[in-house]
Amino acid sequence: MPIEGDLKSINFASILQLIAQEKLTGVLKIKKKNEVVDIGFIEGQITGAFFEKGEKTERLENYLVRSGFIKKNLYEMIKEIHEETKRPIMNIIIDDKYLTLEEIERIIKFKIQEVIDEVFTWQEGEFKFEQGAVIYPKSLIKIRLSTENIVLESARRFDEWPRIVSQITSPDLVFKKIEKPELKLKLPEDELRVLSLIDGHRSVYDLVDISGLGKFHTYSCLYHLLTTGQIELAYAKPIPKAVKPKKEISLKFLSTPATIFLFLIVIFLEILIGNFVSNRIKYSFAFFDTSYTEPDYYDYKKIFFYKHNRIPSNSEVKAIFEK
């Protein structure tokens, strides 16, 4: 049964519920501009998901380092072991007990929920279900999540989202701790983690990136800390303006007309210069010609012919004029 279309015609939750009800196996691909999401299913249950934006795809091990689950120097050592032994990095992390299998599974489930949450906010996008395809075919970690439970959790978060972003209106906002809050609360572990990362310089975007709690949960913790008076707004980081590349004006479309125009100009100049030069030469010859040519007295010779029935010589005509 082909499943494909646009999110404008059918909502994301309905697509997931259909795959779950039919117990389908395959990969659901969703694309919006340069953003792509792949969600894997086995018999209607979710087995994995990853989000790709442009050429940027976050690997799980990079997330573990960035979120502090594995220290950076330890990760460098694990990479060296990987290069020497060719063992997969995740196998080294689990086999050498840097993290337990249960911890990795919990993180993967969290990342799957985060990807599903993201797609719930999309208003448009093309989707296609590739039946029989497998996501992460070489992975040793086998995840099976109830699609219905994931949908319910994402729907709950989607309903809460407008209330949260009404207070945290931009990822560029920077919060600071209130030294002596009026309410002294015993905060949950996640909120304590977010509070410990707030230093008056990190933006909301930075906190999402390093907290390891994902976008929704980080925003949710910030919302609770803000509304209970534990933190306050410091300032908003200015968004760096992207330098727009200068548009190069192409003149290719002018090449043919320009060639013809230049050709006509050259011909015109040749004619003009040729006429000018020829006239100058003509005048020059007349100016420099110092030889004297006697007049032929044509009209007078004609009269002489009619009178004497012969053509006179120049000397005869000249003698007449001299007299």
Protein backbone atom coordinates (compact mmCIF):
# COMPACT_ATOMS: atom_id res chain seq x y z
CA MET A 1 0.00 0.00 0.00
CA PRO A 2 1.69 3.22 -1.14
CA ILE A 3 1.84 5.94 1.50
CA GLU A 4 2.99 9.28 0.14
CA GLY A 5 1.74 12.84 -0.16
CA ASP A 6 2.01 16.24 1.47
CA LEU A 7 1.60 17.26 5.12
CA LYS A 8 -0.85 19.95 3.99
CA SER A 9 -3.33 17.24 2.99
CA ILE A 10 -2.82 14.85 5.92
CA ASN A 11 -1.31 15.57 9.34
CA PHE A 12 1.79 13.84 10.65
CA ALA A 13 0.01 12.08 13.55
CA SER A 14 -2.41 10.38 11.15
CA ILE A 15 0.48 9.04 9.05
CA LEU A 16 2.16 7.51 12.11
CA GLN A 17 -1.10 5.99 13.35
CA LEU A 18 -1.74 4.43 9.93
CA ILE A 19 1.73 2.82 9.88
CA ALA A 20 1.17 1.51 13.43
CA GLN A 21 -2.30 0.10 12.71
CA GLU A 22 -1.13 -1.67 9.55
CA LYS A 23 2.02 -2.91 11.34
CA LEU A 24 4.20 -1.82 8.42
CA THR A 25 7.97 -2.26 8.12
CA GLY A 26 10.02 0.35 6.31
CA VAL A 27 11.29 3.93 6.46
CA LEU A 28 9.16 7.06 6.41
CA LYS A 29 10.99 9.91 4.65
CA ILE A 30 9.78 13.49 5.14
CA LYS A 31 11.35 16.44 3.32
CA LYS A 32 10.83 20.18 3.79
CA LYS A 33 13.12 22.40 1.70
CA ASN A 34 16.65 21.39 2.81
CA GLU A 35 15.48 19.50 5.92
CA VAL A 36 15.04 15.72 5.79
CA VAL A 37 13.75 13.33 8.47
CA ASP A 38 13.95 9.53 8.30
CA ILE A 39 11.92 7.38 10.72
CA GLY A 40 12.35 3.60 10.77
CA PHE A 41 9.61 1.08 11.58
CA ILE A 42 9.42 -2.65 12.19
CA GLU A 43 5.89 -4.06 12.33
CA GLY A 44 4.51 -0.60 13.12
CA GLN A 45 6.95 0.15 15.96
CA ILE A 46 9.55 2.93 15.74
CA THR A 47 13.14 1.67 15.62
CA GLY A 48 15.11 4.84 14.91
CA ALA A 49 15.03 8.38 13.55
CA PHE A 50 17.47 11.00 12.39
CA PHE A 51 17.24 14.61 11.34
CA GLU A 52 19.35 16.11 8.55
CA LYS A 53 19.53 19.81 7.69
CA GLY A 54 21.41 20.61 4.51
CA GLU A 55 24.68 18.71 4.78
CA LYS A 56 24.56 18.68 8.59
CA THR A 57 23.69 15.36 10.24
CA GLU A 58 24.43 14.86 13.92
CA ARG A 59 25.97 11.51 14.81
CA LEU A 60 25.03 10.00 18.15
CA GLU A 61 28.62 9.94 19.43
CA ASN A 62 29.01 13.67 18.68
CA TYR A 63 25.83 14.34 20.65
CA LEU A 64 27.21 12.32 23.59
CA VAL A 65 30.34 14.51 23.68
CA ARG A 66 28.53 17.82 23.16
CA SER A 67 26.00 17.03 25.88
CA GLY A 68 28.67 15.95 28.37
CA PHE A 69 27.84 12.23 28.57
CA ILE A 70 31.40 11.51 27.37
CA LYS A 71 34.32 13.86 27.98
CA LYS A 72 36.05 15.24 24.91
CA ASN A 73 39.50 13.85 25.79
CA LEU A 74 37.97 10.41 26.40
CA TYR A 75 36.23 10.55 23.04
CA GLU A 76 39.54 11.37 21.31
CA MET A 77 41.03 8.26 22.91
CA ILE A 78 38.05 6.17 21.75
CA LYS A 79 38.57 7.46 18.19
CA GLU A 80 42.22 6.40 18.31
CA ILE A 81 41.15 2.89 19.38
CA HIS A 82 38.61 2.89 16.52
CA GLU A 83 41.26 3.85 13.95
CA GLU A 84 43.65 1.16 15.19
CA THR A 85 41.18 -1.71 15.63
CA LYS A 86 38.42 -0.69 13.13
CA ARG A 87 35.85 -1.50 15.80
CA PRO A 88 32.68 0.65 15.60
CA ILE A 89 32.79 3.61 18.00
CA MET A 90 29.49 2.72 19.68
CA ASN A 91 30.76 -0.84 20.25
CA ILE A 92 33.87 0.53 21.98
CA ILE A 93 31.75 2.81 24.17
CA ILE A 94 29.50 -0.07 25.27
CA ASP A 95 32.04 -2.94 25.39
CA ASP A 96 34.56 -0.91 27.37
CA LYS A 97 31.77 0.29 29.67
CA TYR A 98 32.16 4.03 29.10
CA LEU A 99 28.35 3.99 28.99
CA THR A 100 25.99 1.10 29.63
CA LEU A 101 23.68 -0.33 27.00
CA GLU A 102 20.70 0.92 29.02
CA GLU A 103 22.09 4.47 29.05
CA ILE A 104 22.65 4.41 25.27
CA GLU A 105 19.14 3.07 24.67
CA ARG A 106 17.65 5.78 26.87
CA ILE A 107 19.55 8.48 24.93
CA ILE A 108 18.47 7.02 21.57
CA LYS A 109 14.82 6.95 22.66
CA PHE A 110 15.14 10.54 23.78
CA LYS A 111 16.63 11.55 20.39
CA ILE A 112 13.82 9.74 18.54
CA GLN A 113 11.22 11.65 20.55
CA GLU A 114 13.06 14.89 19.77
CA VAL A 115 12.94 14.21 16.01
CA ILE A 116 9.22 13.35 16.14
CA ASP A 117 8.56 16.55 18.13
CA GLU A 118 10.29 18.58 15.43
CA VAL A 119 8.15 17.17 12.63
CA PHE A 120 4.97 17.85 14.66
CA THR A 121 5.71 21.57 14.24
CA TRP A 122 5.96 21.33 10.43
CA GLN A 123 3.05 22.77 8.47
CA GLU A 124 4.30 21.53 5.11
CA GLY A 125 6.54 18.85 3.66
CA GLU A 126 6.47 15.88 1.31
CA PHE A 127 6.46 12.37 2.73
CA LYS A 128 6.93 8.87 1.33
CA PHE A 129 6.97 5.49 3.04
CA GLU A 130 9.56 3.09 1.60
CA GLN A 131 8.21 -0.31 2.51
CA GLY A 132 10.83 -2.94 3.40
CA ALA A 133 13.65 -0.40 3.89
CA VAL A 134 15.73 -0.56 7.08
CA ILE A 135 17.17 2.32 9.08
CA TYR A 136 20.59 1.75 10.72
CA PRO A 137 20.98 -1.79 9.31
CA LYS A 138 24.42 -2.30 10.93
CA SER A 139 23.46 -1.05 14.39
CA LEU A 140 23.85 -3.52 17.26
CA ILE A 141 21.35 -1.59 19.40
CA LYS A 142 17.80 -2.71 18.75
CA ILE A 143 15.13 -0.18 19.70
CA ARG A 144 11.36 -0.79 19.61
CA LEU A 145 9.10 2.09 20.67
CA SER A 146 5.32 2.17 20.74
CA THR A 147 4.30 4.52 17.93
CA GLU A 148 1.02 5.37 19.71
CA ASN A 149 2.85 6.43 22.88
CA ILE A 150 5.31 8.58 20.91
CA VAL A 151 2.41 10.27 19.10
CA LEU A 152 0.57 10.99 22.36
CA GLU A 153 3.68 12.49 23.99
CA SER A 154 4.45 14.66 20.95
CA ALA A 155 0.83 15.83 20.78
CA ARG A 156 0.96 16.80 24.48
CA ARG A 157 4.17 18.76 23.93
CA PHE A 158 2.74 20.40 20.81
CA ASP A 159 -0.22 21.65 22.86
CA GLU A 160 2.11 23.11 25.51
CA TRP A 161 4.47 24.74 23.03
CA PRO A 162 2.48 28.00 22.39
CA ARG A 163 2.37 28.73 26.14
CA ILE A 164 6.14 28.19 26.44
CA VAL A 165 7.15 30.34 23.45
CA SER A 166 4.86 33.14 24.63
CA GLN A 167 7.49 33.71 27.36
CA ILE A 168 10.62 32.50 25.57
CA THR A 169 10.05 34.23 22.27
CA SER A 170 13.44 33.72 20.64
CA PRO A 171 16.41 31.32 20.81
CA ASP A 172 18.64 34.42 20.96
CA LEU A 173 17.44 35.42 24.45
CA VAL A 174 20.02 35.30 27.25
CA PHE A 175 18.90 34.68 30.83
CA LYS A 176 20.71 35.20 34.14
CA LYS A 177 20.17 33.72 37.59
CA ILE A 178 18.39 35.68 40.31
CA GLU A 179 20.79 35.57 43.26
CA LYS A 180 18.08 35.66 45.94
CA PRO A 181 14.79 34.42 44.47
CA GLU A 182 11.62 35.05 46.47
CA LEU A 183 10.62 31.38 46.13
CA LYS A 184 13.19 28.84 47.22
CA LEU A 185 12.18 25.65 45.42
CA LYS A 186 13.54 22.13 45.35
CA LEU A 187 14.06 21.86 41.62
CA PRO A 188 13.95 18.63 39.57
CA GLU A 189 17.24 17.28 38.24
CA ASP A 190 16.70 18.54 34.67
CA GLU A 191 15.87 22.08 35.83
CA LEU A 192 18.93 22.07 38.08
CA ARG A 193 21.04 21.08 35.08
CA VAL A 194 19.66 23.93 32.95
CA LEU A 195 20.05 26.39 35.85
CA SER A 196 23.70 25.37 36.29
CA LEU A 197 24.38 26.15 32.61
CA ILE A 198 22.90 29.66 32.76
CA ASP A 199 25.77 32.14 33.09
CA GLY A 200 24.37 35.41 31.71
CA HIS A 201 26.11 34.85 28.36
CA ARG A 202 24.70 31.65 26.90
CA SER A 203 21.63 32.07 24.71
CA VAL A 204 18.63 29.74 24.70
CA TYR A 205 20.04 28.21 21.52
CA ASP A 206 23.33 27.49 23.33
CA LEU A 207 21.50 25.90 26.26
CA VAL A 208 19.55 23.59 23.95
CA ASP A 209 22.81 22.63 22.27
CA ILE A 210 24.73 21.67 25.43
CA SER A 211 22.05 20.60 27.92
CA GLY A 212 21.44 17.20 26.37
CA LEU A 213 17.74 17.61 27.13
CA GLY A 214 16.53 18.48 23.67
CA LYS A 215 14.71 21.56 22.44
CA PHE A 216 11.30 21.02 24.03
CA HIS A 217 12.53 19.93 27.46
CA THR A 218 15.14 22.70 27.67
CA TYR A 219 12.52 25.31 26.77
CA SER A 220 10.13 23.74 29.29
CA CYS A 221 12.73 23.93 32.08
CA LEU A 222 13.53 27.55 31.21
CA TYR A 223 9.81 28.39 31.23
CA HIS A 224 9.39 26.94 34.72
CA LEU A 225 12.54 28.64 36.03
CA LEU A 226 11.37 31.95 34.57
CA THR A 227 7.76 31.80 35.81
CA THR A 228 8.86 30.78 39.34
CA GLY A 229 11.33 33.66 39.57
CA GLN A 230 14.56 31.67 39.51
CA ILE A 231 15.94 33.44 36.42
CA GLU A 232 15.32 36.68 34.52
CA LEU A 233 16.01 38.05 31.07
CA ALA A 234 19.48 39.59 30.66
CA TYR A 235 19.51 40.59 27.00
CA ALA A 236 19.05 39.23 23.50
CA LYS A 237 22.05 38.28 21.44
CA PRO A 238 22.11 40.07 18.11
CA ILE A 239 21.63 37.71 15.20
CA PRO A 240 24.70 37.88 12.97
CA LYS A 241 23.73 39.07 9.53
CA ALA A 242 24.65 36.63 6.84
CA VAL A 243 26.97 38.18 4.30
CA LYS A 244 25.18 37.97 1.01
CA PRO A 245 27.45 37.03 -1.85
CA LYS A 246 27.69 39.73 -4.46
CA LYS A 247 25.71 38.85 -7.50
CA GLU A 248 27.86 38.70 -10.58
CA ILE A 249 26.13 40.31 -13.52
CA SER A 250 26.42 38.05 -16.51
CA LEU A 251 26.86 39.77 -19.87
CA LYS A 252 26.71 36.58 -21.90
CA PHE A 253 23.31 37.52 -23.29
CA LEU A 254 24.91 40.69 -24.75
CA SER A 255 27.78 38.92 -26.50
CA THR A 256 26.15 38.50 -29.94
CA PRO A 257 24.54 41.99 -30.20
CA ALA A 258 27.73 43.59 -28.88
CA THR A 259 29.86 41.77 -31.46
CA ILE A 260 27.62 42.93 -34.30
CA PHE A 261 27.59 46.49 -32.98
CA LEU A 262 31.39 46.61 -32.69
CA PHE A 263 31.74 45.15 -36.18
CA LEU A 264 29.54 47.93 -37.63
CA ILE A 265 31.47 50.59 -35.69
CA VAL A 266 34.78 49.30 -37.12
CA ILE A 267 33.44 49.36 -40.68
CA PHE A 268 32.07 52.87 -40.20
CA LEU A 269 35.40 54.12 -38.83
CA GLU A 270 37.31 52.48 -41.68
CA ILE A 271 35.11 54.26 -44.25
CA LEU A 272 35.34 57.57 -42.42
CA ILE A 273 39.10 57.38 -41.96
CA GLY A 274 39.56 56.17 -45.54
CA ASN A 275 37.66 59.15 -46.94
CA PHE A 276 39.52 61.54 -44.68
CA VAL A 277 42.91 60.13 -45.62
CA SER A 278 42.12 60.09 -49.35
CA ASN A 279 41.01 63.74 -49.26
CA ARG A 280 44.11 64.73 -47.30
CA ILE A 281 46.30 62.97 -49.84
CA LYS A 282 44.48 64.67 -52.71
CA TYR A 283 44.91 68.09 -51.11
CA SER A 284 48.46 67.34 -50.23
CA PHE A 285 49.35 66.43 -53.81
CA ALA A 286 47.71 69.61 -55.10
CA PHE A 287 49.55 71.67 -52.50
CA PHE A 288 52.99 70.19 -53.12
CA ASP A 289 52.69 69.95 -56.90
CA THR A 290 54.94 72.91 -58.12
CA SER A 291 55.03 71.95 -61.83
CA TYR A 292 53.38 74.43 -64.20
CA THR A 293 51.02 73.19 -66.92
CA GLU A 294 50.22 75.60 -69.69
CA PRO A 295 46.52 76.18 -70.37
CA ASP A 296 45.29 74.39 -73.48
CA TYR A 297 43.06 77.32 -74.58
CA TYR A 298 40.41 74.87 -75.73
CA ASP A 299 37.63 77.42 -76.34
CA TYR A 300 39.86 79.67 -78.37
CA LYS A 301 41.21 76.80 -80.46
CA LYS A 302 37.63 75.88 -81.29
CA ILE A 303 36.86 79.38 -82.56
CA PHE A 304 40.13 79.40 -84.54
CA PHE A 305 39.17 76.06 -86.14
CA TYR A 306 35.82 77.35 -87.40
CA LYS A 307 37.47 80.49 -88.81
CA HIS A 308 40.60 78.95 -90.43
CA ASN A 309 39.50 75.33 -90.81
CA ARG A 310 42.45 74.10 -88.82
CA ILE A 311 43.48 73.70 -85.21
CA PRO A 312 46.02 76.27 -84.08
CA SER A 313 48.97 75.49 -81.94
CA ASN A 314 49.26 76.74 -78.41
CA SER A 315 51.91 79.20 -79.46
CA GLU A 316 49.59 80.76 -82.01
CA VAL A 317 46.80 81.19 -79.52
CA LYS A 318 49.24 82.47 -76.91
CA ALA A 319 50.56 85.04 -79.36
CA ILE A 320 47.00 86.27 -79.86
CA PHE A 321 46.50 86.72 -76.10
CA GLU A 322 49.87 88.42 -75.72
CA LYS A 323 48.93 90.98 -78.44
